[in-house]
């Protein structure tokens, strides 16, 4: 059964006892012809094609077990196809181009979801025509598939000016300002995820070698170099901002009970700072994108970007290649038949 259709009992229709030559109740044929002959604004089709559509509906109801409303919807779309592509009634002359053209024509007038329903109906109708011996070959394979996927957005970072405004929004004379400044600087310089920042402990910073241990996805642990400005921000917070406690988490809540910041709190730090800086509210992951986009712009190879961001697959890193629009334009091929000098 075609996707999205609801099956019902396969018992014959009980709208009337008398049967016409098509095998459908005779009382249905007249009303069905009236329905499919007047509901569309397309030119009317010949009486033999109306009989064919009546047979198709009976096939859907009795053989396929579709409810009446679904069968009627299939019939109306099959009727549109016949009005466009086989008004003469000669189905043996149908070509793949006729079928493709009908799908394209439908797609110009309705949504992608409605076009998908037209495609499903048309495939069912063309299979019926082939099984009934009305077409020499099964034309259902010529029906184009229709995708309703939406284009994914580009990874979006923030510019240098916004980054400076973000870092300048903290009052670093206050303990909370020192903490939040260090958090945002780590996100900008190291591209950590909010959960990775929240999971940092004071034991993860190796001051002797200038590295920080990051607890990433899938229980992966990796050492990253600790930039000088990030180290200085952390030291300032540890000495003049972090509460005295036995908790080993690096970044702590300011209010009791004293405990580690959660990933949501890390993102909230970024959001509040961005609003203070006059920007639209952004989350912590936007700063991870910022680091990646900056590296792409600087010409850093994708494998190295993947190492910094600790991606398991290069496919994840390849997503950032889309932000280098000048390089992508160089790869674009001219449109066939386009005037290069235009």
Protein backbone atom coordinates (compact mmCIF):
# COMPACT_ATOMS: atom_id res chain seq x y z
CA UNK A 1 0.00 0.00 0.00
CA UNK A 2 1.21 3.50 -0.79
CA UNK A 3 2.58 5.39 2.24
CA UNK A 4 0.27 7.55 4.28
CA UNK A 5 -2.90 5.69 3.26
CA UNK A 6 -5.29 4.15 5.71
CA UNK A 7 -6.47 0.66 4.96
CA UNK A 8 -10.01 -0.46 5.63
CA UNK A 9 -11.98 -3.64 5.19
CA UNK A 10 -11.74 -5.12 1.71
CA UNK A 11 -15.45 -6.00 1.67
CA UNK A 12 -17.18 -4.82 -1.54
CA UNK A 13 -18.95 -1.47 -1.63
CA UNK A 14 -22.52 -1.67 -0.44
CA UNK A 15 -23.78 1.56 -2.03
CA UNK A 16 -26.01 -0.45 -4.35
CA UNK A 17 -26.73 -4.01 -5.34
CA UNK A 18 -26.87 -3.67 -9.13
CA UNK A 19 -23.51 -3.78 -10.92
CA UNK A 20 -22.51 -2.02 -14.09
CA UNK A 21 -20.25 -3.44 -16.79
CA UNK A 22 -17.22 -2.18 -14.90
CA UNK A 23 -18.00 -4.27 -11.85
CA UNK A 24 -19.03 -1.22 -9.79
CA UNK A 25 -22.55 -0.56 -8.54
CA UNK A 26 -24.48 1.07 -11.36
CA UNK A 27 -25.75 3.79 -9.05
CA UNK A 28 -22.20 4.89 -8.37
CA UNK A 29 -21.13 5.28 -11.97
CA UNK A 30 -23.43 8.20 -12.71
CA UNK A 31 -22.56 10.13 -9.57
CA UNK A 32 -18.84 9.39 -10.01
CA UNK A 33 -18.89 10.63 -13.58
CA UNK A 34 -20.58 13.80 -12.39
CA UNK A 35 -18.00 14.25 -9.66
CA UNK A 36 -14.88 13.75 -11.74
CA UNK A 37 -16.31 15.61 -14.70
CA UNK A 38 -17.12 18.85 -12.90
CA UNK A 39 -14.80 19.16 -9.91
CA UNK A 40 -11.77 20.24 -11.98
CA UNK A 41 -11.43 23.36 -14.08
CA UNK A 42 -9.55 21.37 -16.75
CA UNK A 43 -11.36 20.58 -20.03
CA UNK A 44 -13.69 17.62 -19.78
CA UNK A 45 -12.44 14.22 -20.86
CA UNK A 46 -14.14 11.57 -22.93
CA UNK A 47 -16.76 9.18 -21.61
CA UNK A 48 -14.49 6.09 -21.97
CA UNK A 49 -11.95 7.77 -19.71
CA UNK A 50 -14.69 8.49 -17.18
CA UNK A 51 -15.50 4.78 -17.23
CA UNK A 52 -11.80 4.05 -16.72
CA UNK A 53 -11.72 6.31 -13.67
CA UNK A 54 -14.80 4.60 -12.29
CA UNK A 55 -13.05 1.24 -12.67
CA UNK A 56 -9.95 2.68 -11.00
CA UNK A 57 -12.02 3.79 -8.01
CA UNK A 58 -13.57 0.36 -7.67
CA UNK A 59 -10.10 -1.16 -7.83
CA UNK A 60 -8.94 1.11 -5.02
CA UNK A 61 -11.96 0.32 -2.86
CA UNK A 62 -12.26 -3.40 -3.47
CA UNK A 63 -8.70 -4.53 -4.24
CA UNK A 64 -6.65 -2.00 -2.35
CA UNK A 65 -9.05 -1.53 0.55
CA UNK A 66 -8.91 2.27 0.60
CA UNK A 67 -11.56 4.36 2.28
CA UNK A 68 -13.95 6.18 -0.03
CA UNK A 69 -12.47 9.65 0.60
CA UNK A 70 -8.94 8.47 -0.21
CA UNK A 71 -10.11 6.63 -3.33
CA UNK A 72 -11.93 9.76 -4.51
CA UNK A 73 -8.79 11.85 -3.95
CA UNK A 74 -6.76 9.40 -6.05
CA UNK A 75 -9.38 9.48 -8.80
CA UNK A 76 -9.43 13.28 -8.96
CA UNK A 77 -5.65 13.38 -9.41
CA UNK A 78 -5.77 10.66 -12.04
CA UNK A 79 -8.45 12.69 -13.81
CA UNK A 80 -6.17 15.73 -13.86
CA UNK A 81 -3.41 13.63 -15.36
CA UNK A 82 -5.69 12.32 -18.11
CA UNK A 83 -6.97 15.82 -18.91
CA UNK A 84 -3.37 17.00 -19.32
CA UNK A 85 -1.74 14.04 -21.00
CA UNK A 86 -4.28 11.66 -22.53
CA UNK A 87 -7.40 13.63 -23.37
CA UNK A 88 -7.80 11.67 -26.58
CA UNK A 89 -8.16 8.47 -24.59
CA UNK A 90 -5.22 6.71 -26.24
CA UNK A 91 -3.20 5.51 -23.27
CA UNK A 92 -0.91 3.41 -25.46
CA UNK A 93 0.70 6.63 -26.72
CA UNK A 94 1.74 7.77 -23.25
CA UNK A 95 5.45 8.54 -22.89
CA UNK A 96 7.74 9.09 -19.92
CA UNK A 97 7.86 12.76 -20.92
CA UNK A 98 4.07 12.98 -20.52
CA UNK A 99 4.26 11.54 -17.04
CA UNK A 100 7.19 13.73 -15.99
CA UNK A 101 5.53 16.81 -17.45
CA UNK A 102 2.38 16.17 -15.44
CA UNK A 103 4.31 15.98 -12.18
CA UNK A 104 6.19 19.19 -12.98
CA UNK A 105 2.96 20.94 -13.91
CA UNK A 106 1.34 19.88 -10.63
CA UNK A 107 4.36 21.03 -8.64
CA UNK A 108 4.05 24.55 -10.04
CA UNK A 109 0.62 25.03 -8.53
CA UNK A 110 0.68 23.27 -5.16
CA UNK A 111 2.99 22.62 -2.23
CA UNK A 112 5.63 19.91 -2.16
CA UNK A 113 3.46 17.81 0.17
CA UNK A 114 0.49 18.04 -2.21
CA UNK A 115 2.73 17.15 -5.13
CA UNK A 116 3.88 14.07 -3.23
CA UNK A 117 0.25 13.01 -2.90
CA UNK A 118 -0.23 13.55 -6.64
CA UNK A 119 2.83 11.37 -7.31
CA UNK A 120 1.47 8.58 -5.09
CA UNK A 121 -1.93 8.73 -6.82
CA UNK A 122 -0.41 8.79 -10.29
CA UNK A 123 1.83 5.80 -9.64
CA UNK A 124 -1.15 3.82 -8.41
CA UNK A 125 -3.19 4.80 -11.45
CA UNK A 126 -0.46 3.94 -13.95
CA UNK A 127 0.11 0.55 -12.32
CA UNK A 128 -3.62 -0.09 -12.61
CA UNK A 129 -3.54 0.83 -16.29
CA UNK A 130 -0.68 -1.57 -16.93
CA UNK A 131 -2.29 -4.46 -15.05
CA UNK A 132 -5.52 -3.80 -16.93
CA UNK A 133 -3.69 -4.00 -20.25
CA UNK A 134 -4.34 -0.38 -21.17
CA UNK A 135 -0.64 0.51 -21.48
CA UNK A 136 2.00 -1.72 -23.07
CA UNK A 137 4.55 -0.98 -20.33
CA UNK A 138 4.35 -0.01 -16.66
CA UNK A 139 4.70 3.79 -16.77
CA UNK A 140 4.63 4.18 -12.98
CA UNK A 141 8.43 4.03 -12.90
CA UNK A 142 8.51 7.30 -14.89
CA UNK A 143 6.80 9.24 -12.09
CA UNK A 144 9.34 11.58 -10.52
CA UNK A 145 9.88 11.45 -6.80
CA UNK A 146 9.38 14.72 -4.93
CA UNK A 147 11.48 15.77 -1.97
CA UNK A 148 10.14 18.03 0.75
CA UNK A 149 13.50 18.49 2.44
CA UNK A 150 14.40 22.01 3.39
CA UNK A 151 17.80 23.46 2.84
CA UNK A 152 19.93 23.36 5.98
CA UNK A 153 21.25 26.71 7.15
CA UNK A 154 24.92 27.61 6.99
CA UNK A 155 26.98 27.39 10.19
CA UNK A 156 26.84 30.90 11.55
CA UNK A 157 29.44 32.56 13.74
CA UNK A 158 29.83 36.14 14.94
CA UNK A 159 32.18 38.79 13.61
CA UNK A 160 35.28 40.12 15.36
CA UNK A 161 33.50 43.31 16.37
CA UNK A 162 30.67 41.36 18.02
CA UNK A 163 33.18 39.06 19.72
CA UNK A 164 34.98 42.06 21.22
CA UNK A 165 31.67 43.57 22.33
CA UNK A 166 30.74 40.26 23.92
CA UNK A 167 33.99 40.07 25.89
CA UNK A 168 33.70 43.74 26.87
CA UNK A 169 30.22 43.27 28.36
CA UNK A 170 31.53 41.77 31.63
CA UNK A 171 32.37 43.71 34.76
CA UNK A 172 35.61 41.95 35.58
CA UNK A 173 35.87 43.73 38.92
CA UNK A 174 33.13 41.43 40.18
CA UNK A 175 33.54 37.70 40.89
CA UNK A 176 30.70 36.75 38.54
CA UNK A 177 32.13 38.95 35.80
CA UNK A 178 35.51 37.20 36.10
CA UNK A 179 33.85 33.80 35.91
CA UNK A 180 31.63 34.63 32.94
CA UNK A 181 34.47 36.33 31.05
CA UNK A 182 36.61 33.19 31.41
CA UNK A 183 33.72 31.00 30.23
CA UNK A 184 33.09 33.04 27.07
CA UNK A 185 36.81 33.29 26.32
CA UNK A 186 37.14 29.49 26.53
CA UNK A 187 34.19 29.08 24.16
CA UNK A 188 35.65 31.54 21.67
CA UNK A 189 39.26 30.35 21.75
CA UNK A 190 38.84 26.59 22.18
CA UNK A 191 35.43 25.97 20.60
CA UNK A 192 34.22 23.83 23.48
CA UNK A 193 30.61 22.72 23.80
CA UNK A 194 28.62 24.08 26.75
CA UNK A 195 28.58 20.64 28.42
CA UNK A 196 32.37 20.41 28.05
CA UNK A 197 32.84 23.76 29.77
CA UNK A 198 30.50 22.71 32.55
CA UNK A 199 32.44 19.46 33.10
CA UNK A 200 35.86 21.13 33.49
CA UNK A 201 37.54 20.72 36.86
CA UNK A 202 40.45 22.52 38.46
CA UNK A 203 42.46 19.32 37.98
CA UNK A 204 41.98 19.41 34.20
CA UNK A 205 44.27 22.42 33.76
CA UNK A 206 47.92 21.44 33.47
CA UNK A 207 49.71 24.70 34.17
CA UNK A 208 53.15 23.18 33.75
CA UNK A 209 52.67 22.21 30.09
CA UNK A 210 49.92 24.72 29.27
CA UNK A 211 47.15 22.26 28.38
CA UNK A 212 43.58 21.60 29.40
CA UNK A 213 41.88 18.20 29.48
CA UNK A 214 38.48 18.26 27.75
CA UNK A 215 35.84 15.66 28.59
CA UNK A 216 34.00 15.35 25.28
CA UNK A 217 31.21 13.30 23.77
CA UNK A 218 31.24 9.56 24.21
CA UNK A 219 33.52 9.76 27.27
CA UNK A 220 36.38 10.90 25.05
CA UNK A 221 39.13 12.87 26.77
CA UNK A 222 41.53 15.02 24.78
CA UNK A 223 44.24 17.52 25.65
CA UNK A 224 44.02 20.98 24.07
CA UNK A 225 46.62 23.73 24.25
CA UNK A 226 45.72 26.49 26.70
CA UNK A 227 46.01 29.95 25.08
CA UNK A 228 47.70 32.59 27.21
CA UNK A 229 44.67 34.89 27.49
CA UNK A 230 42.44 31.97 28.46
CA UNK A 231 44.92 30.87 31.13
CA UNK A 232 45.11 34.39 32.52
CA UNK A 233 41.31 34.65 32.67
CA UNK A 234 41.08 31.35 34.54
CA UNK A 235 43.78 32.39 37.02
CA UNK A 236 41.99 35.69 37.66
CA UNK A 237 38.78 33.82 38.42
CA UNK A 238 40.47 31.22 40.61
CA UNK A 239 42.26 33.85 42.68
CA UNK A 240 39.59 36.52 42.95
CA UNK A 241 36.24 35.05 41.97
CA UNK A 242 35.85 31.37 42.75
CA UNK A 243 34.22 30.57 46.12
CA UNK A 244 36.21 28.57 48.64
CA UNK A 245 34.81 25.07 48.49
CA UNK A 246 35.82 21.45 48.28
CA UNK A 247 33.98 21.09 44.95
CA UNK A 248 36.51 20.41 42.19
CA UNK A 249 34.40 21.80 39.35
CA UNK A 250 36.14 24.76 37.71
CA UNK A 251 33.13 27.02 37.26
CA UNK A 252 30.75 27.25 40.20
CA UNK A 253 27.40 28.79 41.01
CA UNK A 254 27.53 32.03 42.94
CA UNK A 255 24.49 31.28 45.07
CA UNK A 256 24.03 28.50 47.60
CA UNK A 257 24.18 25.64 47.31
CA UNK A 258 27.64 26.02 45.78
CA UNK A 259 27.91 23.50 42.96
CA UNK A 260 29.13 23.15 39.40
CA UNK A 261 27.46 25.18 36.67
CA UNK A 262 25.32 23.10 34.33
CA UNK A 263 25.42 23.24 30.54
CA UNK A 264 22.24 25.34 30.53
CA UNK A 265 23.85 27.87 32.85
CA UNK A 266 26.87 28.11 30.53
CA UNK A 267 24.61 28.91 27.58
CA UNK A 268 22.71 31.41 29.73
CA UNK A 269 25.99 33.24 30.43
CA UNK A 270 26.52 33.70 26.70
CA UNK A 271 22.92 34.72 26.08
CA UNK A 272 22.91 37.39 28.78
CA UNK A 273 26.25 38.76 27.60
CA UNK A 274 25.11 38.96 23.98
CA UNK A 275 22.03 40.93 24.97
CA UNK A 276 24.14 43.33 27.05
CA UNK A 277 26.42 43.76 24.03
CA UNK A 278 23.47 44.85 21.90
CA UNK A 279 23.24 41.61 19.92
CA UNK A 280 20.36 39.21 19.45
CA UNK A 281 20.46 36.54 22.13
CA UNK A 282 22.81 33.72 21.09
CA UNK A 283 23.80 30.44 22.68
CA UNK A 284 27.15 28.88 23.51
CA UNK A 285 27.26 26.75 20.35
CA UNK A 286 27.30 29.89 18.22
CA UNK A 287 30.77 30.62 19.60
CA UNK A 288 31.94 27.15 18.59
CA UNK A 289 30.76 27.95 15.07
CA UNK A 290 32.65 31.24 15.29
CA UNK A 291 35.97 29.49 15.89
CA UNK A 292 35.35 27.03 13.05
CA UNK A 293 34.35 29.78 10.60
CA UNK A 294 37.41 31.85 11.53
CA UNK A 295 39.68 28.87 10.85
CA UNK A 296 38.03 28.23 7.49
CA UNK A 297 38.51 31.89 6.54
CA UNK A 298 42.17 31.67 7.60
CA UNK A 299 42.70 28.71 5.26
CA UNK A 300 43.15 26.03 7.93
CA UNK A 301 42.68 22.56 6.35
CA UNK A 302 39.47 20.78 7.29
CA UNK A 303 41.23 17.82 9.00
CA UNK A 304 42.96 20.24 11.36
CA UNK A 305 39.69 22.03 12.09
CA UNK A 306 38.17 18.66 12.88
CA UNK A 307 40.96 17.95 15.34
CA UNK A 308 40.40 21.24 17.16
CA UNK A 309 36.64 20.70 17.33
CA UNK A 310 37.19 17.01 18.17
CA UNK A 311 34.83 15.70 15.50
CA UNK A 312 34.68 11.95 15.15
CA UNK A 313 33.97 12.16 11.43
CA UNK A 314 35.33 14.49 8.78
CA UNK A 315 31.78 14.69 7.43
CA UNK A 316 30.84 16.82 10.44
CA UNK A 317 33.75 19.15 9.75
CA UNK A 318 32.98 19.32 6.01
CA UNK A 319 29.80 21.21 6.89
CA UNK A 320 31.97 24.26 7.58
CA UNK A 321 33.39 24.21 4.05
CA UNK A 322 30.11 25.75 2.93
CA UNK A 323 30.92 29.04 4.65
CA UNK A 324 33.89 29.70 2.36
CA UNK A 325 31.76 31.18 -0.41
CA UNK A 326 34.64 32.65 -2.49
CA UNK A 327 36.28 29.21 -2.71
CA UNK A 328 32.97 27.56 -3.56
CA UNK A 329 32.34 30.03 -6.37
CA UNK A 330 35.60 28.91 -7.95
CA UNK A 331 34.28 25.35 -8.04
CA UNK A 332 30.95 26.24 -9.60
CA UNK A 333 30.49 25.19 -13.21
CA UNK A 334 28.82 27.56 -15.70
CA UNK A 335 25.15 26.90 -16.34
CA UNK A 336 24.67 25.04 -19.62
CA UNK A 337 23.89 27.48 -22.38
CA UNK A 338 24.57 30.54 -20.24
CA UNK A 339 26.41 33.45 -21.77
CA UNK A 340 29.77 33.70 -20.03
CA UNK A 341 30.05 37.38 -20.95
CA UNK A 342 26.65 38.26 -19.55
